[in-house]
Each structure stands twice: as structure tokens, then as C-alpha cells.
Amino acid sequence: MLAAWSALGQVERLPAALALAMHHGLTQGEFGEALAHIAFYCGWGWAQKAALAVA
């Protein structure tokens, strides 16, 4: 869901989605990898907005 919300520009939903994902075992490294994929496939702007939304 993190990648989907980021790609769709729904960054206001990311903090709750990230908390849930980390509760289920997502690591910071894996989230960083997801941001890298978002940057390549959806554009740097969406990845940057996603990173700032959860920082």
C-alpha cells in the first residue's frame, strides 16, 4: 500500500500505512528500497513527497 499511496499522490495516508507496515515487519531499509522504486517508476517528485510525509 505504501507504494500505491505514494504513486497516487495520497501522501496524507502514508504515516498510518507506514506504521501498520512496520508493525507487520517492514524495515526501514525495505521502505527505502520502495522509495527508490517509486522514484524510478513514478518520478522523483512523488518519492520525495512520500519521504517528507513520513519523516
PDB file of N, CA and C in Angstrom:
ATOM      1  N   MET A   1       0.808  -1.184   0.000  1.00  0.00           N
ATOM      2  CA  MET A   1       0.000   0.000   0.000  1.00  0.00           C
ATOM      3  C   MET A   1       0.863   1.264   0.000  1.00  0.00           C
ATOM      4  N   LEU A   2       2.022   1.175   0.619  1.00  0.00           N
ATOM      5  CA  LEU A   2       2.874   2.363   0.674  1.00  0.00           C
ATOM      6  C   LEU A   2       3.226   2.854  -0.723  1.00  0.00           C
ATOM      7  N   ALA A   3       3.604   1.940  -1.577  1.00  0.00           N
ATOM      8  CA  ALA A   3       3.963   2.332  -2.943  1.00  0.00           C
ATOM      9  C   ALA A   3       2.749   2.857  -3.701  1.00  0.00           C
ATOM     10  N   ALA A   4       1.607   2.226  -3.499  1.00  0.00           N
ATOM     11  CA  ALA A   4       0.397   2.660  -4.198  1.00  0.00           C
ATOM     12  C   ALA A   4      -0.010   4.057  -3.757  1.00  0.00           C
ATOM     13  N   TRP A   5      -0.051   4.308  -2.444  1.00  0.00           N
ATOM     14  CA  TRP A   5      -0.424   5.648  -1.972  1.00  0.00           C
ATOM     15  C   TRP A   5       0.577   6.680  -2.464  1.00  0.00           C
ATOM     16  N   SER A   6       1.853   6.344  -2.472  1.00  0.00           N
ATOM     17  CA  SER A   6       2.875   7.287  -2.934  1.00  0.00           C
ATOM     18  C   SER A   6       2.709   7.591  -4.414  1.00  0.00           C
ATOM     19  N   ALA A   7       2.496   6.551  -5.202  1.00  0.00           N
ATOM     20  CA  ALA A   7       2.370   6.730  -6.646  1.00  0.00           C
ATOM     21  C   ALA A   7       1.125   7.527  -7.014  1.00  0.00           C
ATOM     22  N   LEU A   8       0.081   7.395  -6.211  1.00  0.00           N
ATOM     23  CA  LEU A   8      -1.165   8.112  -6.473  1.00  0.00           C
ATOM     24  C   LEU A   8      -1.181   9.512  -5.861  1.00  0.00           C
ATOM     25  N   GLY A   9      -0.117   9.852  -5.131  1.00  0.00           N
ATOM     26  CA  GLY A   9      -0.046  11.172  -4.523  1.00  0.00           C
ATOM     27  C   GLY A   9      -0.863  11.309  -3.254  1.00  0.00           C
ATOM     28  N   GLN A  10      -1.245  10.214  -2.653  1.00  0.00           N
ATOM     29  CA  GLN A  10      -2.039  10.223  -1.423  1.00  0.00           C
ATOM     30  C   GLN A  10      -1.119  10.209  -0.205  1.00  0.00           C
ATOM     31  N   VAL A  11      -0.231  11.200  -0.126  1.00  0.00           N
ATOM     32  CA  VAL A  11       0.800  11.187   0.911  1.00  0.00           C
ATOM     33  C   VAL A  11       0.240  11.392   2.310  1.00  0.00           C
ATOM     34  N   GLU A  12      -0.961  11.947   2.441  1.00  0.00           N
ATOM     35  CA  GLU A  12      -1.524  12.128   3.780  1.00  0.00           C
ATOM     36  C   GLU A  12      -1.880  10.789   4.429  1.00  0.00           C
ATOM     37  N   ARG A  13      -1.978   9.737   3.635  1.00  0.00           N
ATOM     38  CA  ARG A  13      -2.286   8.403   4.152  1.00  0.00           C
ATOM     39  C   ARG A  13      -1.038   7.617   4.521  1.00  0.00           C
ATOM     40  N   LEU A  14       0.122   8.111   4.157  1.00  0.00           N
ATOM     41  CA  LEU A  14       1.355   7.347   4.353  1.00  0.00           C
ATOM     42  C   LEU A  14       1.751   7.117   5.803  1.00  0.00           C
ATOM     43  N   PRO A  15       1.666   8.096   6.699  1.00  0.00           N
ATOM     44  CA  PRO A  15       2.106   7.817   8.077  1.00  0.00           C
ATOM     45  C   PRO A  15       1.381   6.628   8.718  1.00  0.00           C
ATOM     46  N   ALA A  16       0.066   6.563   8.558  1.00  0.00           N
ATOM     47  CA  ALA A  16      -0.682   5.443   9.129  1.00  0.00           C
ATOM     48  C   ALA A  16      -0.323   4.132   8.427  1.00  0.00           C
ATOM     49  N   ALA A  17      -0.182   4.178   7.115  1.00  0.00           N
ATOM     50  CA  ALA A  17       0.171   2.972   6.363  1.00  0.00           C
ATOM     51  C   ALA A  17       1.569   2.492   6.730  1.00  0.00           C
ATOM     52  N   LEU A  18       2.498   3.423   6.925  1.00  0.00           N
ATOM     53  CA  LEU A  18       3.861   3.044   7.306  1.00  0.00           C
ATOM     54  C   LEU A  18       3.884   2.439   8.703  1.00  0.00           C
ATOM     55  N   ALA A  19       3.137   3.018   9.622  1.00  0.00           N
ATOM     56  CA  ALA A  19       3.083   2.467  10.979  1.00  0.00           C
ATOM     57  C   ALA A  19       2.546   1.035  10.948  1.00  0.00           C
ATOM     58  N   LEU A  20       1.517   0.801  10.172  1.00  0.00           N
ATOM     59  CA  LEU A  20       0.953  -0.540  10.067  1.00  0.00           C
ATOM     60  C   LEU A  20       1.943  -1.505   9.416  1.00  0.00           C
ATOM     61  N   ALA A  21       2.601  -1.043   8.367  1.00  0.00           N
ATOM     62  CA  ALA A  21       3.581  -1.891   7.681  1.00  0.00           C
ATOM     63  C   ALA A  21       4.745  -2.246   8.601  1.00  0.00           C
ATOM     64  N   MET A  22       5.211  -1.289   9.375  1.00  0.00           N
ATOM     65  CA  MET A  22       6.333  -1.558  10.289  1.00  0.00           C
ATOM     66  C   MET A  22       5.875  -2.478  11.425  1.00  0.00           C
ATOM     67  N   HIS A  23       4.627  -2.363  11.834  1.00  0.00           N
ATOM     68  CA  HIS A  23       4.085  -3.276  12.844  1.00  0.00           C
ATOM     69  C   HIS A  23       4.100  -4.713  12.320  1.00  0.00           C
ATOM     70  N   HIS A  24       3.925  -4.872  11.018  1.00  0.00           N
ATOM     71  CA  HIS A  24       3.906  -6.195  10.403  1.00  0.00           C
ATOM     72  C   HIS A  24       5.272  -6.646   9.903  1.00  0.00           C
ATOM     73  N   GLY A  25       6.331  -5.896  10.230  1.00  0.00           N
ATOM     74  CA  GLY A  25       7.675  -6.380   9.947  1.00  0.00           C
ATOM     75  C   GLY A  25       8.462  -5.649   8.874  1.00  0.00           C
ATOM     76  N   LEU A  26       7.922  -4.595   8.289  1.00  0.00           N
ATOM     77  CA  LEU A  26       8.674  -3.838   7.294  1.00  0.00           C
ATOM     78  C   LEU A  26       9.838  -3.124   7.983  1.00  0.00           C
ATOM     79  N   THR A  27      11.015  -3.179   7.383  1.00  0.00           N
ATOM     80  CA  THR A  27      12.176  -2.494   7.955  1.00  0.00           C
ATOM     81  C   THR A  27      12.368  -1.146   7.267  1.00  0.00           C
ATOM     82  N   GLN A  28      13.176  -0.291   7.890  1.00  0.00           N
ATOM     83  CA  GLN A  28      13.471   0.999   7.277  1.00  0.00           C
ATOM     84  C   GLN A  28      14.184   0.818   5.948  1.00  0.00           C
ATOM     85  N   GLY A  29      15.051  -0.177   5.875  1.00  0.00           N
ATOM     86  CA  GLY A  29      15.758  -0.448   4.630  1.00  0.00           C
ATOM     87  C   GLY A  29      14.815  -0.840   3.501  1.00  0.00           C
ATOM     88  N   GLU A  30      13.835  -1.657   3.831  1.00  0.00           N
ATOM     89  CA  GLU A  30      12.856  -2.059   2.819  1.00  0.00           C
ATOM     90  C   GLU A  30      12.014  -0.871   2.370  1.00  0.00           C
ATOM     91  N   PHE A  31      11.676   0.008   3.299  1.00  0.00           N
ATOM     92  CA  PHE A  31      10.928   1.204   2.913  1.00  0.00           C
ATOM     93  C   PHE A  31      11.780   2.094   2.019  1.00  0.00           C
ATOM     94  N   GLY A  32      13.066   2.195   2.316  1.00  0.00           N
ATOM     95  CA  GLY A  32      13.968   2.957   1.464  1.00  0.00           C
ATOM     96  C   GLY A  32      14.043   2.388   0.053  1.00  0.00           C
ATOM     97  N   GLU A  33      14.047   1.060  -0.039  1.00  0.00           N
ATOM     98  CA  GLU A  33      14.043   0.425  -1.356  1.00  0.00           C
ATOM     99  C   GLU A  33      12.746   0.726  -2.103  1.00  0.00           C
ATOM    100  N   ALA A  34      11.636   0.743  -1.382  1.00  0.00           N
ATOM    101  CA  ALA A  34      10.355   1.065  -2.014  1.00  0.00           C
ATOM    102  C   ALA A  34      10.381   2.498  -2.540  1.00  0.00           C
ATOM    103  N   LEU A  35      10.966   3.421  -1.784  1.00  0.00           N
ATOM    104  CA  LEU A  35      11.071   4.804  -2.247  1.00  0.00           C
ATOM    105  C   LEU A  35      11.938   4.905  -3.504  1.00  0.00           C
ATOM    106  N   ALA A  36      12.988   4.094  -3.570  1.00  0.00           N
ATOM    107  CA  ALA A  36      13.834   4.098  -4.765  1.00  0.00           C
ATOM    108  C   ALA A  36      13.037   3.628  -5.978  1.00  0.00           C
ATOM    109  N   HIS A  37      12.225   2.605  -5.803  1.00  0.00           N
ATOM    110  CA  HIS A  37      11.390   2.119  -6.909  1.00  0.00           C
ATOM    111  C   HIS A  37      10.373   3.174  -7.325  1.00  0.00           C
ATOM    112  N   ILE A  38       9.789   3.844  -6.348  1.00  0.00           N
ATOM    113  CA  ILE A  38       8.825   4.904  -6.657  1.00  0.00           C
ATOM    114  C   ILE A  38       9.507   6.002  -7.454  1.00  0.00           C
ATOM    115  N   ALA A  39      10.729   6.356  -7.069  1.00  0.00           N
ATOM    116  CA  ALA A  39      11.461   7.413  -7.772  1.00  0.00           C
ATOM    117  C   ALA A  39      11.710   7.032  -9.234  1.00  0.00           C
ATOM    118  N   PHE A  40      12.054   5.776  -9.486  1.00  0.00           N
ATOM    119  CA  PHE A  40      12.335   5.355 -10.851  1.00  0.00           C
ATOM    120  C   PHE A  40      11.074   5.215 -11.695  1.00  0.00           C
ATOM    121  N   TYR A  41      10.028   4.667 -11.100  1.00  0.00           N
ATOM    122  CA  TYR A  41       8.832   4.349 -11.882  1.00  0.00           C
ATOM    123  C   TYR A  41       7.788   5.459 -11.902  1.00  0.00           C
ATOM    124  N   CYS A  42       7.726   6.250 -10.841  1.00  0.00           N
ATOM    125  CA  CYS A  42       6.681   7.285 -10.751  1.00  0.00           C
ATOM    126  C   CYS A  42       7.244   8.696 -10.813  1.00  0.00           C
ATOM    127  N   GLY A  43       8.530   8.825 -10.628  1.00  0.00           N
ATOM    128  CA  GLY A  43       9.156  10.133 -10.670  1.00  0.00           C
ATOM    129  C   GLY A  43       9.699  10.554  -9.323  1.00  0.00           C
ATOM    130  N   TRP A  44      10.751  11.336  -9.392  1.00  0.00           N
ATOM    131  CA  TRP A  44      11.425  11.777  -8.181  1.00  0.00           C
ATOM    132  C   TRP A  44      10.500  12.606  -7.285  1.00  0.00           C
ATOM    133  N   GLY A  45       9.626  13.396  -7.873  1.00  0.00           N
ATOM    134  CA  GLY A  45       8.730  14.245  -7.093  1.00  0.00           C
ATOM    135  C   GLY A  45       7.833  13.462  -6.158  1.00  0.00           C
ATOM    136  N   TRP A  46       7.260  12.366  -6.656  1.00  0.00           N
ATOM    137  CA  TRP A  46       6.389  11.551  -5.805  1.00  0.00           C
ATOM    138  C   TRP A  46       7.178  10.885  -4.692  1.00  0.00           C
ATOM    139  N   ALA A  47       8.361  10.405  -4.994  1.00  0.00           N
ATOM    140  CA  ALA A  47       9.179   9.756  -3.970  1.00  0.00           C
ATOM    141  C   ALA A  47       9.598  10.763  -2.901  1.00  0.00           C
ATOM    142  N   GLN A  48       9.938  11.961  -3.321  1.00  0.00           N
ATOM    143  CA  GLN A  48      10.338  12.990  -2.359  1.00  0.00           C
ATOM    144  C   GLN A  48       9.157  13.368  -1.458  1.00  0.00           C
ATOM    145  N   LYS A  49       7.972  13.518  -2.030  1.00  0.00           N
ATOM    146  CA  LYS A  49       6.788  13.825  -1.221  1.00  0.00           C
ATOM    147  C   LYS A  49       6.499  12.706  -0.230  1.00  0.00           C
ATOM    148  N   ALA A  50       6.672  11.471  -0.655  1.00  0.00           N
ATOM    149  CA  ALA A  50       6.445  10.335   0.237  1.00  0.00           C
ATOM    150  C   ALA A  50       7.448  10.333   1.381  1.00  0.00           C
ATOM    151  N   ALA A  51       8.704  10.584   1.074  1.00  0.00           N
ATOM    152  CA  ALA A  51       9.730  10.604   2.110  1.00  0.00           C
ATOM    153  C   ALA A  51       9.485  11.718   3.118  1.00  0.00           C
ATOM    154  N   LEU A  52       9.090  12.875   2.635  1.00  0.00           N
ATOM    155  CA  LEU A  52       8.821  14.000   3.537  1.00  0.00           C
ATOM    156  C   LEU A  52       7.573  13.776   4.365  1.00  0.00           C
ATOM    157  N   ALA A  53       6.612  13.049   3.834  1.00  0.00           N
ATOM    158  CA  ALA A  53       5.360  12.798   4.558  1.00  0.00           C
ATOM    159  C   ALA A  53       5.566  11.913   5.774  1.00  0.00           C
ATOM    160  N   VAL A  54       6.542  11.032   5.709  1.00  0.00           N
ATOM    161  CA  VAL A  54       6.757  10.096   6.819  1.00  0.00           C
ATOM    162  C   VAL A  54       7.959  10.461   7.669  1.00  0.00           C
ATOM    163  N   ALA A  55       8.647  11.510   7.322  1.00  0.00           N
ATOM    164  CA  ALA A  55       9.844  11.913   8.080  1.00  0.00           C
ATOM    165  C   ALA A  55       9.481  12.501   9.416  1.00  0.00           C
TER     166      ALA A  55
END
